Amino acid sequence: DFAGGNQFDLLVRWSDGEVTLYPDVGTLGLNNDGTQMAPKGSVWKDAV
């Protein structure tokens, strides 16, 4: 519940190192840009 609502959000670490937060998945779905937490090429590519 990272975005502060009554629904859970999905946090995704992509293969290129970007990390994206998708808020309120149950209502908003995943067909949106989400919130970028870390950019492509960041050290988060090492987050296993």
ModelCIF file with pLDDT and N, C-alpha, C, O atoms, coordinates in Angstrom:
data_MODEL
#
_entry.id   MODEL 
#
_entity.id                         1 
_entity.type                       polymer 
_entity.pdbx_number_of_molecules   1 
#
_entity_poly.entity_id                      1 
_entity_poly.type                           'polypeptide(L)' 
_entity_poly.nstd_linkage                   no 
_entity_poly.nstd_monomer                   no 
_entity_poly.pdbx_seq_one_letter_code       DFAGGNQFDLLVRWSDGEVTLYPDVGTLGLNNDGTQMAPKGSVWKDAV 
_entity_poly.pdbx_seq_one_letter_code_can   DFAGGNQFDLLVRWSDGEVTLYPDVGTLGLNNDGTQMAPKGSVWKDAV 
_entity_poly.pdbx_strand_id                 A 
#
loop_
_entity_poly_seq.entity_id 
_entity_poly_seq.num 
_entity_poly_seq.mon_id 
_entity_poly_seq.hetero 
1 1  ASP n 
1 2  PHE n 
1 3  ALA n 
1 4  GLY n 
1 5  GLY n 
1 6  ASN n 
1 7  GLN n 
1 8  PHE n 
1 9  ASP n 
1 10 LEU n 
1 11 LEU n 
1 12 VAL n 
1 13 ARG n 
1 14 TRP n 
1 15 SER n 
1 16 ASP n 
1 17 GLY n 
1 18 GLU n 
1 19 VAL n 
1 20 THR n 
1 21 LEU n 
1 22 TYR n 
1 23 PRO n 
1 24 ASP n 
1 25 VAL n 
1 26 GLY n 
1 27 THR n 
1 28 LEU n 
1 29 GLY n 
1 30 LEU n 
1 31 ASN n 
1 32 ASN n 
1 33 ASP n 
1 34 GLY n 
1 35 THR n 
1 36 GLN n 
1 37 MET n 
1 38 ALA n 
1 39 PRO n 
1 40 LYS n 
1 41 GLY n 
1 42 SER n 
1 43 VAL n 
1 44 TRP n 
1 45 LYS n 
1 46 ASP n 
1 47 ALA n 
1 48 VAL n 
#
_struct_asym.id          A 
_struct_asym.entity_id   1 
#
loop_
_ma_qa_metric.id 
_ma_qa_metric.mode 
_ma_qa_metric.name 
_ma_qa_metric.software_group_id 
_ma_qa_metric.type 
1 global pLDDT . pLDDT 
2 local  pLDDT . pLDDT 
#
_ma_qa_metric_global.metric_id      1 
_ma_qa_metric_global.metric_value   95.10 
_ma_qa_metric_global.model_id       1 
_ma_qa_metric_global.ordinal_id     1 
#
loop_
_ma_qa_metric_local.label_asym_id 
_ma_qa_metric_local.label_comp_id 
_ma_qa_metric_local.label_seq_id 
_ma_qa_metric_local.metric_id 
_ma_qa_metric_local.metric_value 
_ma_qa_metric_local.model_id 
_ma_qa_metric_local.ordinal_id 
A ASP 1  2 95.00 1 1  
A PHE 2  2 96.00 1 2  
A ALA 3  2 91.00 1 3  
A GLY 4  2 84.00 1 4  
A GLY 5  2 79.00 1 5  
A ASN 6  2 82.00 1 6  
A GLN 7  2 93.00 1 7  
A PHE 8  2 97.00 1 8  
A ASP 9  2 97.00 1 9  
A LEU 10 2 98.00 1 10 
A LEU 11 2 98.00 1 11 
A VAL 12 2 98.00 1 12 
A ARG 13 2 98.00 1 13 
A TRP 14 2 98.00 1 14 
A SER 15 2 97.00 1 15 
A ASP 16 2 97.00 1 16 
A GLY 17 2 97.00 1 17 
A GLU 18 2 98.00 1 18 
A VAL 19 2 98.00 1 19 
A THR 20 2 98.00 1 20 
A LEU 21 2 98.00 1 21 
A TYR 22 2 97.00 1 22 
A PRO 23 2 96.00 1 23 
A ASP 24 2 95.00 1 24 
A VAL 25 2 94.00 1 25 
A GLY 26 2 93.00 1 26 
A THR 27 2 92.00 1 27 
A LEU 28 2 93.00 1 28 
A GLY 29 2 94.00 1 29 
A LEU 30 2 95.00 1 30 
A ASN 31 2 90.00 1 31 
A ASN 32 2 89.00 1 32 
A ASP 33 2 91.00 1 33 
A GLY 34 2 95.00 1 34 
A THR 35 2 97.00 1 35 
A GLN 36 2 97.00 1 36 
A MET 37 2 98.00 1 37 
A ALA 38 2 98.00 1 38 
A PRO 39 2 97.00 1 39 
A LYS 40 2 97.00 1 40 
A GLY 41 2 97.00 1 41 
A SER 42 2 97.00 1 42 
A VAL 43 2 97.00 1 43 
A TRP 44 2 98.00 1 44 
A LYS 45 2 97.00 1 45 
A ASP 46 2 98.00 1 46 
A ALA 47 2 98.00 1 47 
A VAL 48 2 98.00 1 48 
#
loop_
_atom_site.group_PDB 
_atom_site.id 
_atom_site.type_symbol 
_atom_site.label_atom_id 
_atom_site.label_alt_id 
_atom_site.label_comp_id 
_atom_site.label_asym_id 
_atom_site.label_entity_id 
_atom_site.label_seq_id 
_atom_site.pdbx_PDB_ins_code 
_atom_site.Cartn_x 
_atom_site.Cartn_y 
_atom_site.Cartn_z 
_atom_site.occupancy 
_atom_site.B_iso_or_equiv 
_atom_site.pdbx_formal_charge 
_atom_site.auth_seq_id 
_atom_site.auth_comp_id 
_atom_site.auth_asym_id 
_atom_site.auth_atom_id 
_atom_site.pdbx_PDB_model_num 
ATOM 1   N N  . ASP A 1 1  ? 0.848  -1.204  0.000   1.00 95.00 ? 1  ASP A N  1 
ATOM 2   C CA . ASP A 1 1  ? 0.000  0.000   0.000   1.00 95.00 ? 1  ASP A CA 1 
ATOM 3   C C  . ASP A 1 1  ? 0.878  1.246   0.000   1.00 95.00 ? 1  ASP A C  1 
ATOM 4   O O  . ASP A 1 1  ? 0.822  2.058   0.924   1.00 95.00 ? 1  ASP A O  1 
ATOM 5   N N  . PHE A 1 2  ? 1.691  1.388   -1.050  1.00 96.00 ? 2  PHE A N  1 
ATOM 6   C CA . PHE A 1 2  ? 2.694  2.443   -1.092  1.00 96.00 ? 2  PHE A CA 1 
ATOM 7   C C  . PHE A 1 2  ? 2.105  3.814   -1.427  1.00 96.00 ? 2  PHE A C  1 
ATOM 8   O O  . PHE A 1 2  ? 2.628  4.837   -0.985  1.00 96.00 ? 2  PHE A O  1 
ATOM 9   N N  . ALA A 1 3  ? 1.026  3.840   -2.203  1.00 91.00 ? 3  ALA A N  1 
ATOM 10  C CA . ALA A 1 3  ? 0.501  5.113   -2.700  1.00 91.00 ? 3  ALA A CA 1 
ATOM 11  C C  . ALA A 1 3  ? -0.506 5.761   -1.754  1.00 91.00 ? 3  ALA A C  1 
ATOM 12  O O  . ALA A 1 3  ? -0.962 6.876   -2.007  1.00 91.00 ? 3  ALA A O  1 
ATOM 13  N N  . GLY A 1 4  ? -0.850 5.088   -0.688  1.00 84.00 ? 4  GLY A N  1 
ATOM 14  C CA . GLY A 1 4  ? -1.717 5.689   0.308   1.00 84.00 ? 4  GLY A CA 1 
ATOM 15  C C  . GLY A 1 4  ? -3.186 5.671   -0.054  1.00 84.00 ? 4  GLY A C  1 
ATOM 16  O O  . GLY A 1 4  ? -3.812 6.730   -0.109  1.00 84.00 ? 4  GLY A O  1 
ATOM 17  N N  . GLY A 1 5  ? -3.752 4.520   -0.300  1.00 79.00 ? 5  GLY A N  1 
ATOM 18  C CA . GLY A 1 5  ? -5.172 4.379   -0.571  1.00 79.00 ? 5  GLY A CA 1 
ATOM 19  C C  . GLY A 1 5  ? -5.715 3.170   0.154   1.00 79.00 ? 5  GLY A C  1 
ATOM 20  O O  . GLY A 1 5  ? -5.068 2.637   1.055   1.00 79.00 ? 5  GLY A O  1 
ATOM 21  N N  . ASN A 1 6  ? -6.879 2.745   -0.227  1.00 82.00 ? 6  ASN A N  1 
ATOM 22  C CA . ASN A 1 6  ? -7.479 1.571   0.388   1.00 82.00 ? 6  ASN A CA 1 
ATOM 23  C C  . ASN A 1 6  ? -7.246 0.305   -0.428  1.00 82.00 ? 6  ASN A C  1 
ATOM 24  O O  . ASN A 1 6  ? -7.808 -0.750  -0.134  1.00 82.00 ? 6  ASN A O  1 
ATOM 25  N N  . GLN A 1 7  ? -6.410 0.424   -1.455  1.00 93.00 ? 7  GLN A N  1 
ATOM 26  C CA . GLN A 1 7  ? -6.099 -0.728  -2.285  1.00 93.00 ? 7  GLN A CA 1 
ATOM 27  C C  . GLN A 1 7  ? -4.587 -0.892  -2.385  1.00 93.00 ? 7  GLN A C  1 
ATOM 28  O O  . GLN A 1 7  ? -3.826 0.067   -2.250  1.00 93.00 ? 7  GLN A O  1 
ATOM 29  N N  . PHE A 1 8  ? -4.170 -2.145  -2.628  1.00 97.00 ? 8  PHE A N  1 
ATOM 30  C CA . PHE A 1 8  ? -2.752 -2.400  -2.797  1.00 97.00 ? 8  PHE A CA 1 
ATOM 31  C C  . PHE A 1 8  ? -2.282 -1.927  -4.174  1.00 97.00 ? 8  PHE A C  1 
ATOM 32  O O  . PHE A 1 8  ? -3.048 -1.870  -5.136  1.00 97.00 ? 8  PHE A O  1 
ATOM 33  N N  . ASP A 1 9  ? -1.001 -1.593  -4.225  1.00 97.00 ? 9  ASP A N  1 
ATOM 34  C CA . ASP A 1 9  ? -0.335 -1.167  -5.447  1.00 97.00 ? 9  ASP A CA 1 
ATOM 35  C C  . ASP A 1 9  ? 0.664  -2.256  -5.854  1.00 97.00 ? 9  ASP A C  1 
ATOM 36  O O  . ASP A 1 9  ? 1.035  -3.106  -5.045  1.00 97.00 ? 9  ASP A O  1 
ATOM 37  N N  . LEU A 1 10 ? 1.087  -2.215  -7.108  1.00 98.00 ? 10 LEU A N  1 
ATOM 38  C CA . LEU A 1 10 ? 2.058  -3.184  -7.607  1.00 98.00 ? 10 LEU A CA 1 
ATOM 39  C C  . LEU A 1 10 ? 3.379  -2.486  -7.877  1.00 98.00 ? 10 LEU A C  1 
ATOM 40  O O  . LEU A 1 10 ? 3.424  -1.503  -8.617  1.00 98.00 ? 10 LEU A O  1 
ATOM 41  N N  . LEU A 1 11 ? 4.458  -2.990  -7.280  1.00 98.00 ? 11 LEU A N  1 
ATOM 42  C CA . LEU A 1 11 ? 5.803  -2.476  -7.512  1.00 98.00 ? 11 LEU A CA 1 
ATOM 43  C C  . LEU A 1 11 ? 6.535  -3.466  -8.418  1.00 98.00 ? 11 LEU A C  1 
ATOM 44  O O  . LEU A 1 11 ? 6.604  -4.659  -8.122  1.00 98.00 ? 11 LEU A O  1 
ATOM 45  N N  . VAL A 1 12 ? 7.084  -2.952  -9.537  1.00 98.00 ? 12 VAL A N  1 
ATOM 46  C CA . VAL A 1 12 ? 7.700  -3.798  -10.553 1.00 98.00 ? 12 VAL A CA 1 
ATOM 47  C C  . VAL A 1 12 ? 9.144  -3.361  -10.772 1.00 98.00 ? 12 VAL A C  1 
ATOM 48  O O  . VAL A 1 12 ? 9.421  -2.183  -10.997 1.00 98.00 ? 12 VAL A O  1 
ATOM 49  N N  . ARG A 1 13 ? 10.071 -4.338  -10.703 1.00 98.00 ? 13 ARG A N  1 
ATOM 50  C CA . ARG A 1 13 ? 11.456 -4.084  -11.116 1.00 98.00 ? 13 ARG A CA 1 
ATOM 51  C C  . ARG A 1 13 ? 11.637 -4.761  -12.465 1.00 98.00 ? 13 ARG A C  1 
ATOM 52  O O  . ARG A 1 13 ? 11.531 -5.981  -12.593 1.00 98.00 ? 13 ARG A O  1 
ATOM 53  N N  . TRP A 1 14 ? 11.917 -3.921  -13.487 1.00 98.00 ? 14 TRP A N  1 
ATOM 54  C CA . TRP A 1 14 ? 12.038 -4.405  -14.853 1.00 98.00 ? 14 TRP A CA 1 
ATOM 55  C C  . TRP A 1 14 ? 13.458 -4.892  -15.147 1.00 98.00 ? 14 TRP A C  1 
ATOM 56  O O  . TRP A 1 14 ? 14.389 -4.607  -14.393 1.00 98.00 ? 14 TRP A O  1 
ATOM 57  N N  . SER A 1 15 ? 13.612 -5.627  -16.243 1.00 97.00 ? 15 SER A N  1 
ATOM 58  C CA . SER A 1 15 ? 14.904 -6.201  -16.589 1.00 97.00 ? 15 SER A CA 1 
ATOM 59  C C  . SER A 1 15 ? 15.965 -5.156  -16.912 1.00 97.00 ? 15 SER A C  1 
ATOM 60  O O  . SER A 1 15 ? 17.157 -5.452  -16.834 1.00 97.00 ? 15 SER A O  1 
ATOM 61  N N  . ASP A 1 16 ? 15.554 -3.928  -17.278 1.00 97.00 ? 16 ASP A N  1 
ATOM 62  C CA . ASP A 1 16 ? 16.528 -2.887  -17.616 1.00 97.00 ? 16 ASP A CA 1 
ATOM 63  C C  . ASP A 1 16 ? 16.892 -2.011  -16.424 1.00 97.00 ? 16 ASP A C  1 
ATOM 64  O O  . ASP A 1 16 ? 17.600 -1.017  -16.587 1.00 97.00 ? 16 ASP A O  1 
ATOM 65  N N  . GLY A 1 17 ? 16.416 -2.365  -15.216 1.00 97.00 ? 17 GLY A N  1 
ATOM 66  C CA . GLY A 1 17 ? 16.749 -1.604  -14.020 1.00 97.00 ? 17 GLY A CA 1 
ATOM 67  C C  . GLY A 1 17 ? 15.731 -0.570  -13.624 1.00 97.00 ? 17 GLY A C  1 
ATOM 68  O O  . GLY A 1 17 ? 15.837 -0.008  -12.534 1.00 97.00 ? 17 GLY A O  1 
ATOM 69  N N  . GLU A 1 18 ? 14.737 -0.286  -14.467 1.00 98.00 ? 18 GLU A N  1 
ATOM 70  C CA . GLU A 1 18 ? 13.689 0.650   -14.072 1.00 98.00 ? 18 GLU A CA 1 
ATOM 71  C C  . GLU A 1 18 ? 12.802 -0.003  -13.013 1.00 98.00 ? 18 GLU A C  1 
ATOM 72  O O  . GLU A 1 18 ? 12.563 -1.210  -13.038 1.00 98.00 ? 18 GLU A O  1 
ATOM 73  N N  . VAL A 1 19 ? 12.323 0.819   -12.086 1.00 98.00 ? 19 VAL A N  1 
ATOM 74  C CA . VAL A 1 19 ? 11.347 0.385   -11.082 1.00 98.00 ? 19 VAL A CA 1 
ATOM 75  C C  . VAL A 1 19 ? 10.122 1.278   -11.219 1.00 98.00 ? 19 VAL A C  1 
ATOM 76  O O  . VAL A 1 19 ? 10.239 2.503   -11.244 1.00 98.00 ? 19 VAL A O  1 
ATOM 77  N N  . THR A 1 20 ? 8.934  0.655   -11.310 1.00 98.00 ? 20 THR A N  1 
ATOM 78  C CA . THR A 1 20 ? 7.697  1.389   -11.520 1.00 98.00 ? 20 THR A CA 1 
ATOM 79  C C  . THR A 1 20 ? 6.668  0.984   -10.472 1.00 98.00 ? 20 THR A C  1 
ATOM 80  O O  . THR A 1 20 ? 6.526  -0.193  -10.140 1.00 98.00 ? 20 THR A O  1 
ATOM 81  N N  . LEU A 1 21 ? 5.952  1.987   -9.957  1.00 98.00 ? 21 LEU A N  1 
ATOM 82  C CA . LEU A 1 21 ? 4.868  1.739   -9.016  1.00 98.00 ? 21 LEU A CA 1 
ATOM 83  C C  . LEU A 1 21 ? 3.538  1.974   -9.720  1.00 98.00 ? 21 LEU A C  1 
ATOM 84  O O  . LEU A 1 21 ? 3.297  3.050   -10.267 1.00 98.00 ? 21 LEU A O  1 
ATOM 85  N N  . TYR A 1 22 ? 2.670  0.948   -9.702  1.00 97.00 ? 22 TYR A N  1 
ATOM 86  C CA . TYR A 1 22 ? 1.344  1.057   -10.304 1.00 97.00 ? 22 TYR A CA 1 
ATOM 87  C C  . TYR A 1 22 ? 0.321  1.112   -9.173  1.00 97.00 ? 22 TYR A C  1 
ATOM 88  O O  . TYR A 1 22 ? 0.070  0.100   -8.519  1.00 97.00 ? 22 TYR A O  1 
ATOM 89  N N  . PRO A 1 23 ? -0.280 2.298   -8.933  1.00 96.00 ? 23 PRO A N  1 
ATOM 90  C CA . PRO A 1 23 ? -1.181 2.447   -7.788  1.00 96.00 ? 23 PRO A CA 1 
ATOM 91  C C  . PRO A 1 23 ? -2.557 1.856   -8.060  1.00 96.00 ? 23 PRO A C  1 
ATOM 92  O O  . PRO A 1 23 ? -3.012 1.785   -9.201  1.00 96.00 ? 23 PRO A O  1 
ATOM 93  N N  . ASP A 1 24 ? -3.215 1.428   -6.965  1.00 95.00 ? 24 ASP A N  1 
ATOM 94  C CA . ASP A 1 24 ? -4.621 1.005   -6.992  1.00 95.00 ? 24 ASP A CA 1 
ATOM 95  C C  . ASP A 1 24 ? -4.926 0.123   -8.203  1.00 95.00 ? 24 ASP A C  1 
ATOM 96  O O  . ASP A 1 24 ? -5.795 0.438   -9.016  1.00 95.00 ? 24 ASP A O  1 
ATOM 97  N N  . VAL A 1 25 ? -4.198 -0.981  -8.304  1.00 94.00 ? 25 VAL A N  1 
ATOM 98  C CA . VAL A 1 25 ? -4.301 -1.853  -9.471  1.00 94.00 ? 25 VAL A CA 1 
ATOM 99  C C  . VAL A 1 25 ? -5.722 -2.362  -9.684  1.00 94.00 ? 25 VAL A C  1 
ATOM 100 O O  . VAL A 1 25 ? -6.176 -2.490  -10.822 1.00 94.00 ? 25 VAL A O  1 
ATOM 101 N N  . GLY A 1 26 ? -6.425 -2.652  -8.587  1.00 93.00 ? 26 GLY A N  1 
ATOM 102 C CA . GLY A 1 26 ? -7.772 -3.185  -8.718  1.00 93.00 ? 26 GLY A CA 1 
ATOM 103 C C  . GLY A 1 26 ? -8.726 -2.252  -9.417  1.00 93.00 ? 26 GLY A C  1 
ATOM 104 O O  . GLY A 1 26 ? -9.654 -2.707  -10.084 1.00 93.00 ? 26 GLY A O  1 
ATOM 105 N N  . THR A 1 27 ? -8.520 -0.940  -9.279  1.00 92.00 ? 27 THR A N  1 
ATOM 106 C CA . THR A 1 27 ? -9.382 0.059   -9.911  1.00 92.00 ? 27 THR A CA 1 
ATOM 107 C C  . THR A 1 27 ? -8.789 0.599   -11.200 1.00 92.00 ? 27 THR A C  1 
ATOM 108 O O  . THR A 1 27 ? -9.478 0.692   -12.216 1.00 92.00 ? 27 THR A O  1 
ATOM 109 N N  . LEU A 1 28 ? -7.504 0.956   -11.158 1.00 93.00 ? 28 LEU A N  1 
ATOM 110 C CA . LEU A 1 28 ? -6.876 1.616   -12.300 1.00 93.00 ? 28 LEU A CA 1 
ATOM 111 C C  . LEU A 1 28 ? -6.282 0.640   -13.301 1.00 93.00 ? 28 LEU A C  1 
ATOM 112 O O  . LEU A 1 28 ? -5.990 1.028   -14.432 1.00 93.00 ? 28 LEU A O  1 
ATOM 113 N N  . GLY A 1 29 ? -6.094 -0.620  -12.914 1.00 94.00 ? 29 GLY A N  1 
ATOM 114 C CA . GLY A 1 29 ? -5.482 -1.578  -13.816 1.00 94.00 ? 29 GLY A CA 1 
ATOM 115 C C  . GLY A 1 29 ? -4.006 -1.295  -14.019 1.00 94.00 ? 29 GLY A C  1 
ATOM 116 O O  . GLY A 1 29 ? -3.380 -0.622  -13.200 1.00 94.00 ? 29 GLY A O  1 
ATOM 117 N N  . LEU A 1 30 ? -3.452 -1.803  -15.101 1.00 95.00 ? 30 LEU A N  1 
ATOM 118 C CA . LEU A 1 30 ? -2.029 -1.633  -15.394 1.00 95.00 ? 30 LEU A CA 1 
ATOM 119 C C  . LEU A 1 30 ? -1.773 -0.932  -16.714 1.00 95.00 ? 30 LEU A C  1 
ATOM 120 O O  . LEU A 1 30 ? -0.617 -0.758  -17.100 1.00 95.00 ? 30 LEU A O  1 
ATOM 121 N N  . ASN A 1 31 ? -2.817 -0.526  -17.414 1.00 90.00 ? 31 ASN A N  1 
ATOM 122 C CA . ASN A 1 31 ? -2.642 0.127   -18.700 1.00 90.00 ? 31 ASN A CA 1 
ATOM 123 C C  . ASN A 1 31 ? -2.427 1.630   -18.504 1.00 90.00 ? 31 ASN A C  1 
ATOM 124 O O  . ASN A 1 31 ? -3.171 2.457   -19.030 1.00 90.00 ? 31 ASN A O  1 
ATOM 125 N N  . ASN A 1 32 ? -1.383 1.957   -17.727 1.00 89.00 ? 32 ASN A N  1 
ATOM 126 C CA . ASN A 1 32 ? -1.038 3.356   -17.456 1.00 89.00 ? 32 ASN A CA 1 
ATOM 127 C C  . ASN A 1 32 ? 0.456  3.428   -17.226 1.00 89.00 ? 32 ASN A C  1 
ATOM 128 O O  . ASN A 1 32 ? 1.130  2.404   -17.121 1.00 89.00 ? 32 ASN A O  1 
ATOM 129 N N  . ASP A 1 33 ? 0.974  4.658   -17.146 1.00 91.00 ? 33 ASP A N  1 
ATOM 130 C CA . ASP A 1 33 ? 2.417  4.846   -17.034 1.00 91.00 ? 33 ASP A CA 1 
ATOM 131 C C  . ASP A 1 33 ? 2.947  4.523   -15.642 1.00 91.00 ? 33 ASP A C  1 
ATOM 132 O O  . ASP A 1 33 ? 4.125  4.197   -15.499 1.00 91.00 ? 33 ASP A O  1 
ATOM 133 N N  . GLY A 1 34 ? 2.112  4.605   -14.620 1.00 95.00 ? 34 GLY A N  1 
ATOM 134 C CA . GLY A 1 34 ? 2.574  4.404   -13.270 1.00 95.00 ? 34 GLY A CA 1 
ATOM 135 C C  . GLY A 1 34 ? 3.501  5.523   -12.817 1.00 95.00 ? 34 GLY A C  1 
ATOM 136 O O  . GLY A 1 34 ? 3.617  6.555   -13.478 1.00 95.00 ? 34 GLY A O  1 
ATOM 137 N N  . THR A 1 35 ? 4.159  5.306   -11.685 1.00 97.00 ? 35 THR A N  1 
ATOM 138 C CA . THR A 1 35 ? 5.115  6.267   -11.132 1.00 97.00 ? 35 THR A CA 1 
ATOM 139 C C  . THR A 1 35 ? 6.507  5.668   -11.200 1.00 97.00 ? 35 THR A C  1 
ATOM 140 O O  . THR A 1 35 ? 6.758  4.591   -10.660 1.00 97.00 ? 35 THR A O  1 
ATOM 141 N N  . GLN A 1 36 ? 7.400  6.364   -11.860 1.00 97.00 ? 36 GLN A N  1 
ATOM 142 C CA . GLN A 1 36 ? 8.767  5.854   -11.964 1.00 97.00 ? 36 GLN A CA 1 
ATOM 143 C C  . GLN A 1 36 ? 9.484  6.064   -10.637 1.00 97.00 ? 36 GLN A C  1 
ATOM 144 O O  . GLN A 1 36 ? 9.603  7.188   -10.150 1.00 97.00 ? 36 GLN A O  1 
ATOM 145 N N  . MET A 1 37 ? 9.965  4.949   -10.053 1.00 98.00 ? 37 MET A N  1 
ATOM 146 C CA . MET A 1 37 ? 10.699 4.997   -8.789  1.00 98.00 ? 37 MET A CA 1 
ATOM 147 C C  . MET A 1 37 ? 12.211 5.027   -9.027  1.00 98.00 ? 37 MET A C  1 
ATOM 148 O O  . MET A 1 37 ? 12.956 5.610   -8.239  1.00 98.00 ? 37 MET A O  1 
ATOM 149 N N  . ALA A 1 38 ? 12.653 4.403   -10.102 1.00 98.00 ? 38 ALA A N  1 
ATOM 150 C CA . ALA A 1 38 ? 14.074 4.406   -10.476 1.00 98.00 ? 38 ALA A CA 1 
ATOM 151 C C  . ALA A 1 38 ? 14.141 4.310   -11.989 1.00 98.00 ? 38 ALA A C  1 
ATOM 152 O O  . ALA A 1 38 ? 13.343 3.589   -12.587 1.00 98.00 ? 38 ALA A O  1 
ATOM 153 N N  . PRO A 1 39 ? 15.077 5.019   -12.632 1.00 97.00 ? 39 PRO A N  1 
ATOM 154 C CA . PRO A 1 39 ? 15.111 5.039   -14.102 1.00 97.00 ? 39 PRO A CA 1 
ATOM 155 C C  . PRO A 1 39 ? 15.770 3.803   -14.687 1.00 97.00 ? 39 PRO A C  1 
ATOM 156 O O  . PRO A 1 39 ? 16.441 3.039   -13.993 1.00 97.00 ? 39 PRO A O  1 
ATOM 157 N N  . LYS A 1 40 ? 15.561 3.635   -15.961 1.00 97.00 ? 40 LYS A N  1 
ATOM 158 C CA . LYS A 1 40 ? 16.243 2.587   -16.717 1.00 97.00 ? 40 LYS A CA 1 
ATOM 159 C C  . LYS A 1 40 ? 17.755 2.730   -16.529 1.00 97.00 ? 40 LYS A C  1 
ATOM 160 O O  . LYS A 1 40 ? 18.292 3.838   -16.562 1.00 97.00 ? 40 LYS A O  1 
ATOM 161 N N  . GLY A 1 41 ? 18.439 1.587   -16.329 1.00 97.00 ? 41 GLY A N  1 
ATOM 162 C CA . GLY A 1 41 ? 19.880 1.606   -16.147 1.00 97.00 ? 41 GLY A CA 1 
ATOM 163 C C  . GLY A 1 41 ? 20.329 1.867   -14.726 1.00 97.00 ? 41 GLY A C  1 
ATOM 164 O O  . GLY A 1 41 ? 21.531 1.940   -14.473 1.00 97.00 ? 41 GLY A O  1 
ATOM 165 N N  . SER A 1 42 ? 19.400 2.010   -13.784 1.00 97.00 ? 42 SER A N  1 
ATOM 166 C CA . SER A 1 42 ? 19.769 2.293   -12.398 1.00 97.00 ? 42 SER A CA 1 
ATOM 167 C C  . SER A 1 42 ? 20.342 1.049   -11.730 1.00 97.00 ? 42 SER A C  1 
ATOM 168 O O  . SER A 1 42 ? 20.308 -0.047  -12.290 1.00 97.00 ? 42 SER A O  1 
ATOM 169 N N  . VAL A 1 43 ? 20.876 1.243   -10.509 1.00 97.00 ? 43 VAL A N  1 
ATOM 170 C CA . VAL A 1 43 ? 21.452 0.128   -9.757  1.00 97.00 ? 43 VAL A CA 1 
ATOM 171 C C  . VAL A 1 43 ? 20.386 -0.897  -9.383  1.00 97.00 ? 43 VAL A C  1 
ATOM 172 O O  . VAL A 1 43 ? 20.718 -1.993  -8.931  1.00 97.00 ? 43 VAL A O  1 
ATOM 173 N N  . TRP A 1 44 ? 19.132 -0.563  -9.561  1.00 98.00 ? 44 TRP A N  1 
ATOM 174 C CA . TRP A 1 44 ? 18.076 -1.504  -9.201  1.00 98.00 ? 44 TRP A CA 1 
ATOM 175 C C  . TRP A 1 44 ? 18.028 -2.718  -10.129 1.00 98.00 ? 44 TRP A C  1 
ATOM 176 O O  . TRP A 1 44 ? 17.270 -3.657  -9.887  1.00 98.00 ? 44 TRP A O  1 
ATOM 177 N N  . LYS A 1 45 ? 18.832 -2.696  -11.180 1.00 97.00 ? 45 LYS A N  1 
ATOM 178 C CA . LYS A 1 45 ? 18.940 -3.919  -11.992 1.00 97.00 ? 45 LYS A CA 1 
ATOM 179 C C  . LYS A 1 45 ? 19.564 -5.043  -11.186 1.00 97.00 ? 45 LYS A C  1 
ATOM 180 O O  . LYS A 1 45 ? 19.436 -6.211  -11.550 1.00 97.00 ? 45 LYS A O  1 
ATOM 181 N N  . ASP A 1 46 ? 20.247 -4.699  -10.078 1.00 98.00 ? 46 ASP A N  1 
ATOM 182 C CA . ASP A 1 46 ? 20.884 -5.696  -9.216  1.00 98.00 ? 46 ASP A CA 1 
ATOM 183 C C  . ASP A 1 46 ? 19.980 -6.142  -8.068  1.00 98.00 ? 46 ASP A C  1 
ATOM 184 O O  . ASP A 1 46 ? 20.398 -6.942  -7.230  1.00 98.00 ? 46 ASP A O  1 
ATOM 185 N N  . ALA A 1 47 ? 18.747 -5.634  -8.020  1.00 98.00 ? 47 ALA A N  1 
ATOM 186 C CA . ALA A 1 47 ? 17.801 -6.057  -6.986  1.00 98.00 ? 47 ALA A CA 1 
ATOM 187 C C  . ALA A 1 47 ? 17.165 -7.373  -7.421  1.00 98.00 ? 47 ALA A C  1 
ATOM 188 O O  . ALA A 1 47 ? 16.277 -7.378  -8.273  1.00 98.00 ? 47 ALA A O  1 
ATOM 189 N N  . VAL A 1 48 ? 17.604 -8.475  -6.853  1.00 98.00 ? 48 VAL A N  1 
ATOM 190 C CA . VAL A 1 48 ? 17.174 -9.796  -7.309  1.00 98.00 ? 48 VAL A CA 1 
ATOM 191 C C  . VAL A 1 48 ? 15.759 -10.110 -6.852  1.00 98.00 ? 48 VAL A C  1 
ATOM 192 O O  . VAL A 1 48 ? 15.239 -11.185 -7.150  1.00 98.00 ? 48 VAL A O  1 
#
